[in-house]
Structures are given as C-alpha cells and as structure tokens.
C-alpha cells in the first residue's frame, strides 16, 4: 500500500495539474485572440504560470504515486526555491510600497497623488515608456474615465468636488487641482492662465483617449492602486508560504520514504 505522505502529495498535485489546464488554456487563448497591448501583456505570464504548474504538478504526481525518487527530488527542490522566492517577494513588496500616500485637497472629497512620494524603484517602472504604454492601454481598455464620466452626467462642479474618486480616477481622468482649470464635466475642463509649475497642466487634453494618461499624477494614481493591491497580495503570500512549507515538508517525507523503499525493498505500510 502506498504510504500516506505519498498519497497526500499525489492528491495535491493532481488537483494542481487539473487547475493548470484552464490557466494554460487561458494564456493560449489570449495569445491567439489578444487585440490590445494590455491583453498581449498578460498572455505570456499566464502561459508561463500554467506551464510551470503543469510540469511541477506532474513531477510531484508521478514521483509520489510511482515512487520515482529523482522526480520527487526535483519537485522538492522546486518547492524550496518557490518558498525562498515567495518570501523574498513578500519582503520586497512591503519595502517598496512603504512610501507614498494621497494628499487631502481642501474642499474636495478626493485625494490627489504625487509621483515623487513613491519609492524610486516604483517610479522608474512607470516612467519607462514601454511599461507605461502597456499600463495606459490597460487603463483605456478598462474605460475607467468613461465610467466616471457616465456616473457624473449632469453633475455641477460642487457635486463633482465632493465625490470620493479612486486614485486612478483622480490622477488620470481630471487635471490636478493646482492647475485651476474650470470644470465642465468629469472629463472635460477649460484651461485657464495659471502660475502653477505642475508639468501636468500642459499635459492635460480633453480628448477622451488622452485626458491625463500621460500625466505624472496618473502614474502616481496607478502606484497608489498598486500599493494597495500589493499589500493585500503580501498578506495572501504569507498564507501561501505557510501552506507551501507544509506541502514541502510532506514532499520531503515522501522523498525520504522512496529512498528508504529503494534501499530496503518496498514492503507496504504507512509513515
């Protein structure tokens, strides 16, 4: 009878293998159907994750159920590397998102965001043209500003100023308050002569596919949103780390069982 630890590893990896099929399929579908830069940007990470899950789960499944020692060794080594990488990423996520917060604007229900308030590493990522073009494509595809405009139809300036805008809506869909532009609607503002030194004032455009997508405030809004998401992901990663350590321990147990069985001849029983 197959040992208990081998059974557990076999079941876990069978479930992971089944999960990898739709993930890999989704990546392949994106590769063939993607129309925008946003969708194309997602396809390769999804394919890589799906292929990785499939290969590792197959190694663990075959190694545990067929008692192939070298496959379990490979599986345990990959799991150890994954634990180390996940731990490093979790620490890194907390460090790079430690700086940056929205600034309250007097008389407004929303906050505004400055790119310089965030870590240098994050700033460099969004300032790189190739990265920002993909992010901008995603924002346009998501129609974040269009939804804001639709929700604000027939609102006067006083009503709009009281709205609780998301960081991306605040940074990308309207000009900075310091520019002193006159409100027409949520995504349409009349420029005025201003003494503001904010470079975003000259970057604002009422064209719906431009708006403030090239502004530093938009990049800051994206980073504010990223900071919030990464903090949540970091908490999830801690839970995943605990689960991976448990699975790794069971995998090591199964690997030890296989080596002992190969040395002494398999006689059944549990361990």
C-alpha atoms as a PDB file:
ATOM      1  CA  UNK A   1       0.000   0.000   0.000  1.00  0.00           C
ATOM      2  CA  UNK A   2       1.308   3.436  -0.956  1.00  0.00           C
ATOM      3  CA  UNK A   3       2.485   5.439   2.014  1.00  0.00           C
ATOM      4  CA  UNK A   4       0.276   8.163   3.479  1.00  0.00           C
ATOM      5  CA  UNK A   5       2.657  11.063   2.665  1.00  0.00           C
ATOM      6  CA  UNK A   6       2.856   9.875  -0.948  1.00  0.00           C
ATOM      7  CA  UNK A   7      -0.938   9.804  -1.096  1.00  0.00           C
ATOM      8  CA  UNK A   8      -1.204  13.389   0.139  1.00  0.00           C
ATOM      9  CA  UNK A   9       1.391  14.663  -2.350  1.00  0.00           C
ATOM     10  CA  UNK A  10      -0.304  12.723  -5.152  1.00  0.00           C
ATOM     11  CA  UNK A  11      -3.734  14.209  -4.387  1.00  0.00           C
ATOM     12  CA  UNK A  12      -2.421  17.766  -4.030  1.00  0.00           C
ATOM     13  CA  UNK A  13      -0.547  17.583  -7.305  1.00  0.00           C
ATOM     14  CA  UNK A  14      -3.454  16.012  -9.154  1.00  0.00           C
ATOM     15  CA  UNK A  15      -5.588  18.982  -8.090  1.00  0.00           C
ATOM     16  CA  UNK A  16      -2.822  21.389  -9.156  1.00  0.00           C
ATOM     17  CA  UNK A  17      -2.487  19.635 -12.530  1.00  0.00           C
ATOM     18  CA  UNK A  18      -6.229  19.985 -13.161  1.00  0.00           C
ATOM     19  CA  UNK A  19      -6.004  23.679 -12.198  1.00  0.00           C
ATOM     20  CA  UNK A  20      -3.097  24.258 -14.608  1.00  0.00           C
ATOM     21  CA  UNK A  21      -5.141  23.158 -17.648  1.00  0.00           C
ATOM     22  CA  UNK A  22      -7.571  26.151 -17.719  1.00  0.00           C
ATOM     23  CA  UNK A  23      -4.738  28.530 -16.756  1.00  0.00           C
ATOM     24  CA  UNK A  24      -2.584  27.356 -19.677  1.00  0.00           C
ATOM     25  CA  UNK A  25      -5.625  27.284 -21.950  1.00  0.00           C
ATOM     26  CA  UNK A  26      -6.491  30.860 -20.983  1.00  0.00           C
ATOM     27  CA  UNK A  27      -2.959  32.012 -21.823  1.00  0.00           C
ATOM     28  CA  UNK A  28      -3.070  30.323 -25.225  1.00  0.00           C
ATOM     29  CA  UNK A  29      -6.488  31.859 -25.889  1.00  0.00           C
ATOM     30  CA  UNK A  30      -5.119  35.314 -25.063  1.00  0.00           C
ATOM     31  CA  UNK A  31      -2.167  34.716 -27.408  1.00  0.00           C
ATOM     32  CA  UNK A  32      -4.492  33.985 -30.327  1.00  0.00           C
ATOM     33  CA  UNK A  33      -7.285  36.483 -29.577  1.00  0.00           C
ATOM     34  CA  UNK A  34      -5.493  39.456 -27.992  1.00  0.00           C
ATOM     35  CA  UNK A  35      -6.242  42.759 -29.710  1.00  0.00           C
ATOM     36  CA  UNK A  36      -4.788  45.333 -27.321  1.00  0.00           C
ATOM     37  CA  UNK A  37      -1.354  45.814 -25.747  1.00  0.00           C
ATOM     38  CA  UNK A  38      -2.980  45.173 -22.358  1.00  0.00           C
ATOM     39  CA  UNK A  39      -4.177  41.696 -23.356  1.00  0.00           C
ATOM     40  CA  UNK A  40      -0.871  40.893 -25.088  1.00  0.00           C
ATOM     41  CA  UNK A  41       0.996  41.949 -21.957  1.00  0.00           C
ATOM     42  CA  UNK A  42      -0.945  39.367 -19.911  1.00  0.00           C
ATOM     43  CA  UNK A  43      -0.618  36.364 -22.253  1.00  0.00           C
ATOM     44  CA  UNK A  44       2.979  35.299 -21.560  1.00  0.00           C
ATOM     45  CA  UNK A  45       2.831  35.463 -17.743  1.00  0.00           C
ATOM     46  CA  UNK A  46      -0.387  33.402 -17.831  1.00  0.00           C
ATOM     47  CA  UNK A  47       1.161  30.811 -20.194  1.00  0.00           C
ATOM     48  CA  UNK A  48       4.322  30.644 -18.060  1.00  0.00           C
ATOM     49  CA  UNK A  49       2.346  30.128 -14.827  1.00  0.00           C
ATOM     50  CA  UNK A  50       0.152  27.465 -16.436  1.00  0.00           C
ATOM     51  CA  UNK A  51       3.136  25.565 -17.893  1.00  0.00           C
ATOM     52  CA  UNK A  52       5.054  25.811 -14.605  1.00  0.00           C
ATOM     53  CA  UNK A  53       2.118  24.451 -12.580  1.00  0.00           C
ATOM     54  CA  UNK A  54       1.614  21.609 -15.064  1.00  0.00           C
ATOM     55  CA  UNK A  55       5.282  20.493 -15.108  1.00  0.00           C
ATOM     56  CA  UNK A  56       5.793  20.701 -11.337  1.00  0.00           C
ATOM     57  CA  UNK A  57       2.477  19.009 -10.512  1.00  0.00           C
ATOM     58  CA  UNK A  58       3.233  16.183 -12.976  1.00  0.00           C
ATOM     59  CA  UNK A  59       6.656  15.680 -11.374  1.00  0.00           C
ATOM     60  CA  UNK A  60       5.095  15.540  -7.898  1.00  0.00           C
ATOM     61  CA  UNK A  61       2.224  13.295  -9.030  1.00  0.00           C
ATOM     62  CA  UNK A  62       4.372  10.727 -10.842  1.00  0.00           C
ATOM     63  CA  UNK A  63       7.121  10.887  -8.245  1.00  0.00           C
ATOM     64  CA  UNK A  64       4.719  10.245  -5.351  1.00  0.00           C
ATOM     65  CA  UNK A  65       2.403   7.663  -6.908  1.00  0.00           C
ATOM     66  CA  UNK A  66       5.039   5.715  -8.857  1.00  0.00           C
ATOM     67  CA  UNK A  67       7.726   6.255  -6.227  1.00  0.00           C
ATOM     68  CA  UNK A  68      10.188   7.816  -8.715  1.00  0.00           C
ATOM     69  CA  UNK A  69      12.800   9.254  -6.376  1.00  0.00           C
ATOM     70  CA  UNK A  70      14.521  11.649  -8.787  1.00  0.00           C
ATOM     71  CA  UNK A  71      11.184  13.273  -9.713  1.00  0.00           C
ATOM     72  CA  UNK A  72      10.380  13.829  -6.039  1.00  0.00           C
ATOM     73  CA  UNK A  73      13.860  15.299  -5.595  1.00  0.00           C
ATOM     74  CA  UNK A  74      13.154  17.693  -8.484  1.00  0.00           C
ATOM     75  CA  UNK A  75       9.732  18.520  -7.008  1.00  0.00           C
ATOM     76  CA  UNK A  76      11.174  19.200  -3.543  1.00  0.00           C
ATOM     77  CA  UNK A  77      13.957  21.376  -4.987  1.00  0.00           C
ATOM     78  CA  UNK A  78      11.463  23.471  -6.988  1.00  0.00           C
ATOM     79  CA  UNK A  79       9.207  23.839  -3.948  1.00  0.00           C
ATOM     80  CA  UNK A  80      12.155  25.021  -1.841  1.00  0.00           C
ATOM     81  CA  UNK A  81      13.131  27.603  -4.479  1.00  0.00           C
ATOM     82  CA  UNK A  82       9.495  28.726  -4.716  1.00  0.00           C
ATOM     83  CA  UNK A  83       9.317  29.199  -0.931  1.00  0.00           C
ATOM     84  CA  UNK A  84      12.508  31.311  -0.951  1.00  0.00           C
ATOM     85  CA  UNK A  85      11.322  33.428  -3.905  1.00  0.00           C
ATOM     86  CA  UNK A  86       7.882  33.963  -2.389  1.00  0.00           C
ATOM     87  CA  UNK A  87       9.435  35.010   0.918  1.00  0.00           C
ATOM     88  CA  UNK A  88      11.763  37.460  -0.846  1.00  0.00           C
ATOM     89  CA  UNK A  89       8.920  38.903  -2.928  1.00  0.00           C
ATOM     90  CA  UNK A  90       6.766  39.380   0.173  1.00  0.00           C
ATOM     91  CA  UNK A  91       9.523  41.292   1.977  1.00  0.00           C
ATOM     92  CA  UNK A  92      10.269  43.276  -1.191  1.00  0.00           C
ATOM     93  CA  UNK A  93       6.573  44.191  -1.633  1.00  0.00           C
ATOM     94  CA  UNK A  94       6.398  45.598   1.899  1.00  0.00           C
ATOM     95  CA  UNK A  95       9.626  47.590   1.409  1.00  0.00           C
ATOM     96  CA  UNK A  96       8.844  49.222  -1.972  1.00  0.00           C
ATOM     97  CA  UNK A  97       5.259  50.089  -1.002  1.00  0.00           C
ATOM     98  CA  UNK A  98       6.204  51.609   2.337  1.00  0.00           C
ATOM     99  CA  UNK A  99       6.294  55.153   0.921  1.00  0.00           C
ATOM    100  CA  UNK A 100       3.538  57.155  -0.748  1.00  0.00           C
ATOM    101  CA  UNK A 101       0.058  58.306   0.225  1.00  0.00           C
ATOM    102  CA  UNK A 102      -2.643  60.525  -1.203  1.00  0.00           C
ATOM    103  CA  UNK A 103      -2.808  64.193  -0.241  1.00  0.00           C
ATOM    104  CA  UNK A 104      -6.077  65.632   1.001  1.00  0.00           C
ATOM    105  CA  UNK A 105      -7.269  68.591  -1.082  1.00  0.00           C
ATOM    106  CA  UNK A 106      -9.115  71.356   0.776  1.00  0.00           C
ATOM    107  CA  UNK A 107     -12.812  71.344  -0.003  1.00  0.00           C
ATOM    108  CA  UNK A 108     -12.629  68.167  -2.093  1.00  0.00           C
ATOM    109  CA  UNK A 109     -13.906  64.661  -1.366  1.00  0.00           C
ATOM    110  CA  UNK A 110     -10.999  63.046  -3.220  1.00  0.00           C
ATOM    111  CA  UNK A 111      -7.247  62.909  -2.718  1.00  0.00           C
ATOM    112  CA  UNK A 112      -4.510  63.727  -5.218  1.00  0.00           C
ATOM    113  CA  UNK A 113      -1.270  61.856  -5.746  1.00  0.00           C
ATOM    114  CA  UNK A 114       2.331  62.874  -6.437  1.00  0.00           C
ATOM    115  CA  UNK A 115       4.754  60.590  -8.275  1.00  0.00           C
ATOM    116  CA  UNK A 116       7.714  61.782  -6.198  1.00  0.00           C
ATOM    117  CA  UNK A 117       6.114  60.457  -2.999  1.00  0.00           C
ATOM    118  CA  UNK A 118       6.663  56.822  -4.042  1.00  0.00           C
ATOM    119  CA  UNK A 119       9.799  54.688  -3.939  1.00  0.00           C
ATOM    120  CA  UNK A 120      12.432  55.264  -6.639  1.00  0.00           C
ATOM    121  CA  UNK A 121      12.085  51.672  -7.825  1.00  0.00           C
ATOM    122  CA  UNK A 122       8.360  52.069  -8.487  1.00  0.00           C
ATOM    123  CA  UNK A 123       8.869  55.465 -10.123  1.00  0.00           C
ATOM    124  CA  UNK A 124      11.384  54.033 -12.583  1.00  0.00           C
ATOM    125  CA  UNK A 125       8.985  51.219 -13.521  1.00  0.00           C
ATOM    126  CA  UNK A 126       6.182  53.605 -14.561  1.00  0.00           C
ATOM    127  CA  UNK A 127       8.475  56.220 -16.095  1.00  0.00           C
ATOM    128  CA  UNK A 128       9.843  53.673 -18.572  1.00  0.00           C
ATOM    129  CA  UNK A 129       7.941  54.316 -21.814  1.00  0.00           C
ATOM    130  CA  UNK A 130       7.488  50.662 -22.790  1.00  0.00           C
ATOM    131  CA  UNK A 131       5.961  49.864 -19.386  1.00  0.00           C
ATOM    132  CA  UNK A 132       3.729  52.924 -19.268  1.00  0.00           C
ATOM    133  CA  UNK A 133       2.359  52.379 -22.773  1.00  0.00           C
ATOM    134  CA  UNK A 134       1.114  48.929 -21.715  1.00  0.00           C
ATOM    135  CA  UNK A 135      -0.379  50.303 -18.483  1.00  0.00           C
ATOM    136  CA  UNK A 136      -2.033  53.167 -20.375  1.00  0.00           C
ATOM    137  CA  UNK A 137      -3.518  50.660 -22.828  1.00  0.00           C
ATOM    138  CA  UNK A 138      -4.979  48.713 -19.892  1.00  0.00           C
ATOM    139  CA  UNK A 139      -6.491  51.874 -18.387  1.00  0.00           C
ATOM    140  CA  UNK A 140      -8.098  52.784 -21.701  1.00  0.00           C
ATOM    141  CA  UNK A 141      -9.414  49.238 -22.182  1.00  0.00           C
ATOM    142  CA  UNK A 142     -10.901  49.289 -18.682  1.00  0.00           C
ATOM    143  CA  UNK A 143     -12.766  52.534 -19.535  1.00  0.00           C
ATOM    144  CA  UNK A 144     -12.070  53.885 -16.052  1.00  0.00           C
ATOM    145  CA  UNK A 145     -12.581  57.505 -17.099  1.00  0.00           C
ATOM    146  CA  UNK A 146     -15.590  56.751 -19.278  1.00  0.00           C
ATOM    147  CA  UNK A 147     -17.348  55.132 -16.329  1.00  0.00           C
ATOM    148  CA  UNK A 148     -16.554  58.210 -14.214  1.00  0.00           C
ATOM    149  CA  UNK A 149     -17.993  60.472 -16.928  1.00  0.00           C
ATOM    150  CA  UNK A 150     -21.123  58.321 -17.205  1.00  0.00           C
ATOM    151  CA  UNK A 151     -21.615  58.401 -13.417  1.00  0.00           C
ATOM    152  CA  UNK A 152     -21.196  62.179 -13.325  1.00  0.00           C
ATOM    153  CA  UNK A 153     -23.642  63.163 -16.069  1.00  0.00           C
ATOM    154  CA  UNK A 154     -25.495  66.405 -15.226  1.00  0.00           C
ATOM    155  CA  UNK A 155     -23.431  66.945 -12.073  1.00  0.00           C
ATOM    156  CA  UNK A 156     -22.388  70.507 -11.306  1.00  0.00           C
ATOM    157  CA  UNK A 157     -18.875  71.325 -10.079  1.00  0.00           C
ATOM    158  CA  UNK A 158     -19.833  71.324  -6.376  1.00  0.00           C
ATOM    159  CA  UNK A 159     -21.265  67.808  -6.676  1.00  0.00           C
ATOM    160  CA  UNK A 160     -18.206  66.510  -8.523  1.00  0.00           C
ATOM    161  CA  UNK A 161     -15.784  68.003  -5.996  1.00  0.00           C
ATOM    162  CA  UNK A 162     -17.478  66.013  -3.218  1.00  0.00           C
ATOM    163  CA  UNK A 163     -17.040  62.660  -4.997  1.00  0.00           C
ATOM    164  CA  UNK A 164     -14.764  60.023  -3.496  1.00  0.00           C
ATOM    165  CA  UNK A 165     -12.625  59.223  -6.538  1.00  0.00           C
ATOM    166  CA  UNK A 166     -10.311  56.239  -6.792  1.00  0.00           C
ATOM    167  CA  UNK A 167      -6.564  57.015  -7.121  1.00  0.00           C
ATOM    168  CA  UNK A 168      -6.655  56.227 -10.856  1.00  0.00           C
ATOM    169  CA  UNK A 169      -9.761  58.343 -11.451  1.00  0.00           C
ATOM    170  CA  UNK A 170      -8.235  61.246  -9.527  1.00  0.00           C
ATOM    171  CA  UNK A 171      -4.879  61.057 -11.294  1.00  0.00           C
ATOM    172  CA  UNK A 172      -5.860  60.077 -14.849  1.00  0.00           C
ATOM    173  CA  UNK A 173      -9.352  61.433 -15.520  1.00  0.00           C
ATOM    174  CA  UNK A 174      -9.033  65.066 -14.424  1.00  0.00           C
ATOM    175  CA  UNK A 175      -6.292  67.716 -14.258  1.00  0.00           C
ATOM    176  CA  UNK A 176      -4.573  68.455 -10.923  1.00  0.00           C
ATOM    177  CA  UNK A 177      -6.394  70.986  -8.738  1.00  0.00           C
ATOM    178  CA  UNK A 178      -3.296  73.232  -8.736  1.00  0.00           C
ATOM    179  CA  UNK A 179      -3.847  73.922 -12.470  1.00  0.00           C
ATOM    180  CA  UNK A 180      -7.008  75.880 -11.661  1.00  0.00           C
ATOM    181  CA  UNK A 181      -8.925  74.587 -14.687  1.00  0.00           C
ATOM    182  CA  UNK A 182     -12.666  75.239 -14.879  1.00  0.00           C
ATOM    183  CA  UNK A 183     -14.989  72.244 -14.545  1.00  0.00           C
ATOM    184  CA  UNK A 184     -17.287  71.464 -17.492  1.00  0.00           C
ATOM    185  CA  UNK A 185     -17.874  67.808 -16.719  1.00  0.00           C
ATOM    186  CA  UNK A 186     -15.876  64.978 -15.139  1.00  0.00           C
ATOM    187  CA  UNK A 187     -13.539  64.564 -18.134  1.00  0.00           C
ATOM    188  CA  UNK A 188     -13.837  67.969 -19.770  1.00  0.00           C
ATOM    189  CA  UNK A 189     -12.138  71.021 -18.280  1.00  0.00           C
ATOM    190  CA  UNK A 190     -11.482  74.516 -19.620  1.00  0.00           C
ATOM    191  CA  UNK A 191      -7.860  75.582 -19.290  1.00  0.00           C
ATOM    192  CA  UNK A 192      -7.025  78.962 -17.795  1.00  0.00           C
ATOM    193  CA  UNK A 193      -3.912  81.055 -17.340  1.00  0.00           C
ATOM    194  CA  UNK A 194      -2.119  79.603 -14.346  1.00  0.00           C
ATOM    195  CA  UNK A 195       1.032  80.212 -12.336  1.00  0.00           C
ATOM    196  CA  UNK A 196       1.258  76.532 -11.416  1.00  0.00           C
ATOM    197  CA  UNK A 197       4.631  74.867 -12.020  1.00  0.00           C
ATOM    198  CA  UNK A 198       2.992  71.443 -12.312  1.00  0.00           C
ATOM    199  CA  UNK A 199       4.002  69.989 -15.707  1.00  0.00           C
ATOM    200  CA  UNK A 200       0.742  68.018 -15.770  1.00  0.00           C
ATOM    201  CA  UNK A 201      -1.167  71.238 -16.526  1.00  0.00           C
ATOM    202  CA  UNK A 202       0.303  71.276 -20.045  1.00  0.00           C
ATOM    203  CA  UNK A 203      -0.231  67.551 -20.488  1.00  0.00           C
ATOM    204  CA  UNK A 204      -3.990  67.597 -19.903  1.00  0.00           C
ATOM    205  CA  UNK A 205      -6.084  67.092 -23.036  1.00  0.00           C
ATOM    206  CA  UNK A 206      -9.882  66.963 -23.298  1.00  0.00           C
ATOM    207  CA  UNK A 207      -9.675  64.250 -25.962  1.00  0.00           C
ATOM    208  CA  UNK A 208     -11.189  61.177 -24.277  1.00  0.00           C
ATOM    209  CA  UNK A 209      -8.365  58.882 -25.367  1.00  0.00           C
ATOM    210  CA  UNK A 210      -5.734  61.243 -23.921  1.00  0.00           C
ATOM    211  CA  UNK A 211      -7.058  63.141 -20.839  1.00  0.00           C
ATOM    212  CA  UNK A 212      -4.278  62.934 -18.233  1.00  0.00           C
ATOM    213  CA  UNK A 213      -2.985  59.479 -19.191  1.00  0.00           C
ATOM    214  CA  UNK A 214       0.480  60.974 -19.811  1.00  0.00           C
ATOM    215  CA  UNK A 215       0.499  62.909 -16.523  1.00  0.00           C
ATOM    216  CA  UNK A 216       2.697  62.173 -13.530  1.00  0.00           C
ATOM    217  CA  UNK A 217      -0.475  62.308 -11.438  1.00  0.00           C
ATOM    218  CA  UNK A 218      -1.850  59.370 -13.438  1.00  0.00           C
ATOM    219  CA  UNK A 219       1.328  57.370 -12.836  1.00  0.00           C
ATOM    220  CA  UNK A 220       1.085  58.237  -9.145  1.00  0.00           C
ATOM    221  CA  UNK A 221      -2.557  57.103  -9.093  1.00  0.00           C
ATOM    222  CA  UNK A 222      -1.549  53.784 -10.622  1.00  0.00           C
ATOM    223  CA  UNK A 223       1.177  53.369  -7.990  1.00  0.00           C
ATOM    224  CA  UNK A 224      -1.292  54.196  -5.204  1.00  0.00           C
ATOM    225  CA  UNK A 225      -3.580  51.491  -6.529  1.00  0.00           C
ATOM    226  CA  UNK A 226      -0.609  49.132  -6.914  1.00  0.00           C
ATOM    227  CA  UNK A 227       0.483  49.803  -3.340  1.00  0.00           C
ATOM    228  CA  UNK A 228      -2.963  48.867  -2.050  1.00  0.00           C
ATOM    229  CA  UNK A 229      -3.063  45.680  -4.155  1.00  0.00           C
ATOM    230  CA  UNK A 230       0.487  44.615  -3.292  1.00  0.00           C
ATOM    231  CA  UNK A 231      -0.207  44.955   0.411  1.00  0.00           C
ATOM    232  CA  UNK A 232      -3.182  42.606   0.029  1.00  0.00           C
ATOM    233  CA  UNK A 233      -1.113  40.211  -2.085  1.00  0.00           C
ATOM    234  CA  UNK A 234       1.656  40.237   0.530  1.00  0.00           C
ATOM    235  CA  UNK A 235      -0.834  39.083   3.188  1.00  0.00           C
ATOM    236  CA  UNK A 236      -2.041  36.310   0.854  1.00  0.00           C
ATOM    237  CA  UNK A 237       1.595  35.368   0.203  1.00  0.00           C
ATOM    238  CA  UNK A 238       2.173  34.850   3.933  1.00  0.00           C
ATOM    239  CA  UNK A 239      -0.732  32.381   3.994  1.00  0.00           C
ATOM    240  CA  UNK A 240       0.644  30.695   0.848  1.00  0.00           C
ATOM    241  CA  UNK A 241       4.092  30.465   2.436  1.00  0.00           C
ATOM    242  CA  UNK A 242       2.680  28.573   5.395  1.00  0.00           C
ATOM    243  CA  UNK A 243       0.823  26.200   3.047  1.00  0.00           C
ATOM    244  CA  UNK A 244       3.915  25.684   0.865  1.00  0.00           C
ATOM    245  CA  UNK A 245       6.081  24.890   3.881  1.00  0.00           C
ATOM    246  CA  UNK A 246       3.561  22.227   4.920  1.00  0.00           C
ATOM    247  CA  UNK A 247       3.452  20.761   1.388  1.00  0.00           C
ATOM    248  CA  UNK A 248       7.260  20.891   1.177  1.00  0.00           C
ATOM    249  CA  UNK A 249       7.542  19.029   4.471  1.00  0.00           C
ATOM    250  CA  UNK A 250       5.151  16.322   3.253  1.00  0.00           C
ATOM    251  CA  UNK A 251       7.095  16.153  -0.033  1.00  0.00           C
ATOM    252  CA  UNK A 252      10.362  15.663   1.858  1.00  0.00           C
ATOM    253  CA  UNK A 253       8.687  12.899   3.847  1.00  0.00           C
ATOM    254  CA  UNK A 254       7.573  11.185   0.632  1.00  0.00           C
ATOM    255  CA  UNK A 255      11.082  11.588  -0.816  1.00  0.00           C
ATOM    256  CA  UNK A 256      12.565  10.006   2.316  1.00  0.00           C
ATOM    257  CA  UNK A 257      10.071   7.127   2.057  1.00  0.00           C
ATOM    258  CA  UNK A 258      11.024   6.497  -1.570  1.00  0.00           C
ATOM    259  CA  UNK A 259      14.729   6.407  -0.791  1.00  0.00           C
ATOM    260  CA  UNK A 260      14.170   4.022   2.107  1.00  0.00           C
ATOM    261  CA  UNK A 261      11.953   1.779  -0.026  1.00  0.00           C
ATOM    262  CA  UNK A 262      14.513   1.737  -2.827  1.00  0.00           C
ATOM    263  CA  UNK A 263      17.229   0.732  -0.341  1.00  0.00           C
ATOM    264  CA  UNK A 264      15.304  -1.903   1.557  1.00  0.00           C
ATOM    265  CA  UNK A 265      12.676  -3.070  -0.916  1.00  0.00           C
ATOM    266  CA  UNK A 266       9.071  -1.819  -0.673  1.00  0.00           C
ATOM    267  CA  UNK A 267       7.001  -3.725   1.921  1.00  0.00           C
ATOM    268  CA  UNK A 268       3.888  -1.505   2.260  1.00  0.00           C
ATOM    269  CA  UNK A 269       2.548   0.263   5.361  1.00  0.00           C
ATOM    270  CA  UNK A 270       2.251   3.926   6.338  1.00  0.00           C
ATOM    271  CA  UNK A 271       4.640   6.556   7.528  1.00  0.00           C
END
